[in-house]
Protein backbone atom coordinates (compact mmCIF):
# COMPACT_ATOMS: atom_id res chain seq x y z
CA MET A 1 -0.17 -0.05 0.27
CA THR A 2 1.34 3.34 -1.04
CA GLU A 3 2.35 5.25 1.91
CA PRO A 4 0.35 8.67 2.53
CA TYR A 5 2.03 11.74 1.17
CA VAL A 6 3.00 14.65 4.64
CA PRO A 7 3.40 17.81 2.74
CA PRO A 8 6.65 19.18 4.53
CA LYS A 9 6.47 22.59 6.77
CA VAL A 10 7.94 24.04 3.31
CA TRP A 11 7.35 23.10 0.12
CA THR A 12 10.43 23.00 -2.39
CA PRO A 13 9.67 22.38 -6.26
CA PRO A 14 10.41 18.79 -6.89
CA ALA A 15 13.45 17.59 -9.58
CA SER A 16 10.49 16.09 -11.73
CA ASN A 17 6.76 15.95 -11.05
CA GLY A 18 5.98 13.52 -14.83
CA GLY A 19 3.51 13.52 -16.43
CA THR A 20 2.40 15.27 -19.59
CA PHE A 21 3.80 19.33 -19.49
CA ALA A 22 6.13 18.51 -16.90
CA ASN A 23 8.57 19.87 -18.69
CA ILE A 24 7.56 23.45 -18.56
CA ASN A 25 5.69 23.74 -15.40
CA ARG A 26 7.84 25.94 -12.58
CA PRO A 27 7.04 27.99 -9.82
CA VAL A 28 7.90 31.82 -10.83
CA ALA A 29 7.23 33.70 -13.46
CA GLY A 30 9.01 35.60 -16.44
CA PRO A 31 11.11 35.00 -19.20
CA THR A 32 13.11 32.16 -19.87
CA HIS A 33 15.22 33.34 -23.04
CA ASP A 34 15.00 36.01 -25.51
CA ALA A 35 13.09 36.19 -28.49
CA GLU A 36 10.28 38.54 -30.06
CA LEU A 37 7.16 37.83 -31.48
CA PRO A 38 6.62 37.81 -35.03
CA VAL A 39 4.10 40.60 -36.42
CA GLY A 40 2.06 39.92 -39.91
CA ARG A 41 0.27 42.37 -42.03
CA HIS A 42 -2.83 42.42 -40.49
CA PRO A 43 -4.46 44.96 -37.57
CA LEU A 44 -4.87 42.34 -34.86
CA GLN A 45 -1.80 40.03 -34.29
CA LEU A 46 -2.51 36.47 -32.24
CA TYR A 47 -0.27 34.29 -30.19
CA SER A 48 -1.93 31.23 -29.53
CA LEU A 49 -2.72 27.47 -29.92
CA GLY A 50 -5.51 25.61 -30.90
CA THR A 51 -6.66 24.24 -27.50
CA PRO A 52 -10.01 25.19 -26.32
CA ASN A 53 -8.79 28.13 -24.91
CA GLY A 54 -7.54 29.46 -27.98
CA VAL A 55 -10.65 28.73 -30.32
CA LYS A 56 -12.57 30.32 -28.26
CA VAL A 57 -10.78 33.48 -29.81
CA THR A 58 -10.55 32.25 -33.06
CA ILE A 59 -14.08 31.52 -33.26
CA MET A 60 -14.60 35.02 -32.75
CA LEU A 61 -12.50 36.31 -35.16
CA GLU A 62 -13.82 34.17 -37.75
CA GLU A 63 -17.75 35.10 -36.70
CA LEU A 64 -16.80 38.65 -37.25
CA LEU A 65 -14.90 38.61 -40.36
CA ALA A 66 -18.53 36.10 -41.59
CA LEU A 67 -20.62 39.25 -40.32
CA GLY A 68 -18.28 41.65 -42.69
CA HIS A 69 -15.88 43.30 -40.19
CA THR A 70 -12.87 43.29 -42.39
CA GLY A 71 -10.96 44.88 -39.45
CA ALA A 72 -11.25 41.71 -37.77
CA GLU A 73 -8.50 40.41 -40.83
CA TYR A 74 -5.70 38.96 -38.17
CA ASP A 75 -2.49 36.35 -38.15
CA ALA A 76 -2.63 33.73 -36.06
CA TRP A 77 0.64 32.46 -35.13
CA LEU A 78 1.35 29.32 -33.52
CA ILE A 79 2.52 28.80 -29.67
CA LYS A 80 4.48 25.82 -29.19
CA ILE A 81 3.42 25.49 -25.19
CA ASN A 82 5.23 22.29 -25.22
CA GLU A 83 8.41 23.92 -26.45
CA GLY A 84 8.13 26.51 -23.98
CA ALA A 85 7.26 29.21 -26.56
CA GLN A 86 5.15 30.80 -24.09
CA PHE A 87 7.68 32.23 -21.98
CA SER A 88 9.88 34.02 -24.52
CA SER A 89 10.35 37.84 -23.87
CA GLY A 90 8.33 38.75 -26.51
CA PHE A 91 5.72 36.83 -25.52
CA VAL A 92 5.72 37.53 -22.08
CA ALA A 93 5.38 41.23 -22.75
CA ALA A 94 2.13 40.19 -24.71
CA ASN A 95 0.70 38.37 -21.36
CA PRO A 96 2.98 38.48 -18.66
CA ASN A 97 1.15 35.28 -16.90
CA SER A 98 2.56 33.12 -19.80
CA LYS A 99 -0.98 31.40 -21.42
CA ILE A 100 -2.00 31.39 -25.02
CA PRO A 101 -3.68 33.01 -25.96
CA ALA A 102 -2.78 36.79 -26.49
CA MET A 103 -3.34 39.22 -28.86
CA VAL A 104 -2.14 42.60 -29.97
CA ASP A 105 -4.38 44.78 -31.63
CA ARG A 106 -1.78 47.43 -33.63
CA SER A 107 -5.14 49.00 -35.55
CA GLY A 108 -4.43 52.11 -33.69
CA PRO A 109 -1.23 54.41 -33.10
CA GLU A 110 0.23 52.25 -30.38
CA PRO A 111 -0.44 48.77 -29.77
CA VAL A 112 -2.97 47.09 -27.46
CA ARG A 113 -2.22 44.38 -25.75
CA VAL A 114 -5.21 41.64 -24.73
CA PHE A 115 -4.41 38.77 -22.92
CA GLU A 116 -6.82 36.30 -20.92
CA SER A 117 -9.47 34.42 -23.61
CA GLY A 118 -12.51 36.22 -21.77
CA SER A 119 -10.56 39.57 -21.81
CA ILE A 120 -9.83 39.42 -25.66
CA LEU A 121 -13.80 37.88 -26.48
CA VAL A 122 -15.10 41.18 -24.74
CA TYR A 123 -12.43 43.39 -26.05
CA LEU A 124 -13.32 42.61 -29.72
CA ALA A 125 -17.30 42.59 -28.71
CA GLU A 126 -17.16 46.15 -27.70
CA LYS A 127 -14.56 46.89 -30.93
CA PHE A 128 -16.69 45.35 -33.58
CA GLY A 129 -19.97 46.11 -32.05
CA ALA A 130 -20.91 42.55 -31.74
CA PHE A 131 -22.02 39.12 -30.14
CA LEU A 132 -22.17 41.03 -26.82
CA PRO A 133 -26.10 43.05 -26.39
CA SER A 134 -24.78 46.70 -25.80
CA ASN A 135 -26.58 47.53 -22.51
CA GLY A 136 -29.60 45.72 -19.88
CA PRO A 137 -30.17 42.54 -18.81
CA ALA A 138 -29.45 40.69 -21.83
CA ARG A 139 -25.73 41.89 -21.09
CA VAL A 140 -25.56 41.04 -18.13
CA GLU A 141 -26.89 37.23 -18.68
CA THR A 142 -24.15 37.36 -21.51
CA MET A 143 -21.80 38.11 -18.94
CA ASN A 144 -22.51 36.08 -16.10
CA TRP A 145 -22.43 33.21 -18.36
CA LEU A 146 -18.60 34.22 -19.87
CA PHE A 147 -17.03 34.51 -16.63
CA TRP A 148 -19.04 31.19 -15.32
CA GLN A 149 -16.50 29.36 -17.62
CA MET A 150 -13.60 31.22 -17.15
CA GLY A 151 -14.03 30.43 -13.26
CA SER A 152 -15.31 26.80 -13.80
CA ALA A 153 -13.50 25.48 -16.66
CA PRO A 154 -10.02 25.19 -14.88
CA PHE A 155 -11.77 22.49 -12.71
CA VAL A 156 -12.26 21.04 -16.45
CA GLY A 157 -9.06 21.19 -17.66
CA GLY A 158 -6.80 21.49 -14.96
CA GLY A 159 -8.50 19.30 -12.45
CA PHE A 160 -10.85 16.50 -14.37
CA GLY A 161 -8.46 16.84 -17.73
CA HIS A 162 -5.21 16.68 -16.08
CA PHE A 163 -5.81 13.47 -13.01
CA TYR A 164 -7.85 11.62 -15.91
CA ALA A 165 -5.73 12.24 -19.03
CA TYR A 166 -2.09 13.69 -18.38
CA ALA A 167 -1.03 12.64 -14.22
CA PRO A 168 1.82 10.42 -14.24
CA GLU A 169 -0.93 7.73 -12.21
CA LYS A 170 -4.20 7.11 -11.83
CA LEU A 171 -5.46 8.31 -8.35
CA GLN A 172 -9.38 7.71 -7.60
CA TYR A 173 -9.52 10.30 -5.35
CA PRO A 174 -8.89 13.63 -7.93
CA ILE A 175 -10.53 11.60 -10.74
CA ASP A 176 -13.66 11.25 -8.50
CA ARG A 177 -13.23 14.63 -7.18
CA TYR A 178 -13.34 16.61 -10.78
CA ALA A 179 -15.28 14.25 -12.54
CA MET A 180 -18.07 15.18 -9.89
CA GLU A 181 -17.86 18.84 -10.81
CA THR A 182 -17.35 17.89 -14.37
CA LYS A 183 -21.09 16.40 -14.12
CA ARG A 184 -22.01 19.10 -11.80
CA GLN A 185 -21.12 22.04 -14.26
CA LEU A 186 -22.73 20.23 -17.40
CA ASP A 187 -25.91 19.92 -15.49
CA VAL A 188 -25.68 23.33 -14.79
CA LEU A 189 -25.94 23.62 -18.72
CA GLU A 190 -28.18 21.11 -19.42
CA ARG A 191 -31.05 23.26 -17.55
CA GLN A 192 -30.02 26.70 -19.08
CA LEU A 193 -30.42 24.83 -22.58
CA ALA A 194 -33.40 23.61 -21.60
CA GLY A 195 -35.39 26.54 -22.00
CA HIS A 196 -32.63 28.56 -24.08
CA ARG A 197 -31.81 28.32 -27.40
CA TYR A 198 -27.81 29.41 -27.04
CA VAL A 199 -26.53 29.82 -23.44
CA ALA A 200 -27.76 33.21 -22.26
CA GLY A 201 -30.70 33.81 -23.87
CA ASP A 202 -32.00 33.71 -27.85
CA GLU A 203 -29.21 35.02 -29.39
CA TYR A 204 -25.81 33.77 -30.22
CA THR A 205 -23.07 35.20 -28.01
CA ILE A 206 -19.49 35.11 -26.80
CA ALA A 207 -20.66 33.29 -24.05
CA ASP A 208 -21.28 30.65 -26.79
CA MET A 209 -17.72 30.68 -28.20
CA ALA A 210 -16.25 30.94 -24.73
CA ILE A 211 -18.31 27.93 -23.39
CA TRP A 212 -18.55 25.72 -26.57
CA PRO A 213 -14.77 24.42 -26.96
CA TRP A 214 -14.70 23.51 -23.12
CA TYR A 215 -18.18 21.75 -23.02
CA GLY A 216 -19.17 21.29 -26.16
CA GLY A 217 -15.81 19.31 -26.97
CA MET A 218 -16.90 17.38 -23.98
CA VAL A 219 -20.07 16.14 -25.19
CA ARG A 220 -19.04 15.25 -28.66
CA GLY A 221 -16.56 13.01 -27.51
CA GLU A 222 -13.55 15.73 -28.42
CA LEU A 223 -11.57 16.32 -25.04
CA TYR A 224 -9.78 13.51 -23.36
CA GLU A 225 -11.14 10.66 -24.38
CA ALA A 226 -13.91 11.11 -21.73
CA GLY A 227 -17.48 10.64 -22.94
CA GLU A 228 -18.22 7.23 -22.35
CA PHE A 229 -16.93 7.74 -18.63
CA LEU A 230 -18.72 10.62 -18.22
CA SER A 231 -21.65 9.40 -19.61
CA VAL A 232 -21.86 12.70 -22.11
CA HIS A 233 -25.20 11.11 -23.41
CA GLU A 234 -26.94 12.26 -20.49
CA TYR A 235 -26.52 15.93 -21.63
CA LYS A 236 -28.97 16.02 -24.05
CA ASN A 237 -29.54 20.10 -24.41
CA VAL A 238 -25.99 20.12 -24.34
CA ARG A 239 -25.63 18.11 -27.10
CA ARG A 240 -28.24 19.59 -29.51
CA TRP A 241 -26.71 23.15 -28.53
CA ALA A 242 -23.18 21.70 -29.23
CA ASP A 243 -23.81 20.32 -32.30
CA GLU A 244 -25.85 23.46 -33.77
CA ILE A 245 -22.45 25.50 -32.93
CA ALA A 246 -20.52 23.18 -35.02
CA ALA A 247 -21.74 23.33 -37.77
CA ARG A 248 -21.38 27.21 -38.11
CA PRO A 249 -19.76 27.85 -40.64
CA ALA A 250 -17.16 30.10 -39.28
CA VAL A 251 -17.06 27.61 -36.24
CA VAL A 252 -15.61 25.09 -38.73
CA ARG A 253 -12.98 27.41 -40.03
CA GLY A 254 -12.25 29.10 -36.74
CA ARG A 255 -11.36 25.97 -34.69
CA LYS A 256 -8.73 25.01 -37.70
CA VAL A 257 -6.15 27.75 -36.79
CA ASN A 258 -3.74 27.10 -35.11
CA ARG A 259 -4.79 23.33 -34.89
CA VAL A 260 -2.00 20.95 -34.26
CA ARG A 261 -3.50 17.81 -33.20
CA GLY A 262 -6.40 15.35 -34.92
CA ASN A 263 -8.01 15.29 -38.24
CA PRO A 264 -4.71 16.56 -40.79
CA ASP A 265 -7.62 18.46 -42.87
CA GLU A 266 -8.78 20.26 -39.95
CA GLN A 267 -4.89 21.83 -39.16
CA VAL A 268 -4.13 24.79 -39.72
CA ALA A 269 -0.98 25.76 -38.20
CA GLU A 270 -0.96 29.46 -38.96
CA ARG A 271 -2.90 31.56 -40.79
CA HIS A 272 -2.31 34.84 -41.98
CA ASP A 273 -4.83 35.05 -44.98
CA ALA A 274 -8.75 33.73 -45.56
CA SER A 275 -7.38 31.37 -48.03
CA ASP A 276 -5.12 29.43 -45.51
CA LEU A 277 -8.50 27.80 -44.30
CA ASP A 278 -10.30 27.39 -47.76
């Protein structure tokens, strides 16, 4: 029987804790090396990877372009987080938290950095006046669900996903704990979507764009190969919503960007022109 872990009085980082991404985990912030970020010809420069958090932003950009907002043209540069590219001096200048996605808006007299996926979605929605009601209860409800996702998804990714798919060994306690929370969150959505076409009501918003890559991916069996384990077939309203969004042309395009895993036909490592996705 494994001896129980007894925390020391003062924690020190282990030489290696194993598991996926262990090589890039560290207890301090800041850059590890000097490297400037590339800059393309479009107003918006995105530095990202096709993870659920990255997909939120590329979906938003493609949706804006589909509406005719030419100012939303963008370059999407691939950030290989497994190689530590997010710790370059250039990336840290764009996002001191060293997490993708990060964006720099170069459409004005001075570059504006925007980091954290939720912040990027709100910034773009307000810049172009789309996918976020301008005032009133509808705006509040959209923001409610956007921040619900920002606060909830770490339990799915860093919690369930880590211990179920990435940890060096399978441990029942953390898997049970985070499976419980993941299913509770799916039930929150199931109940909300029982009475609404989209998460925040009858209109498609940035709340849907934020939630879909995580929870839509989960019920469609695209995250952590955990669909059967979590009995995702139980969430019929979430699946209806997830399939409707997955069929949107801009979503089909956006989820390809900075994607380097899965079906090769759905991978576009970098996007610098609309034709890259055709």
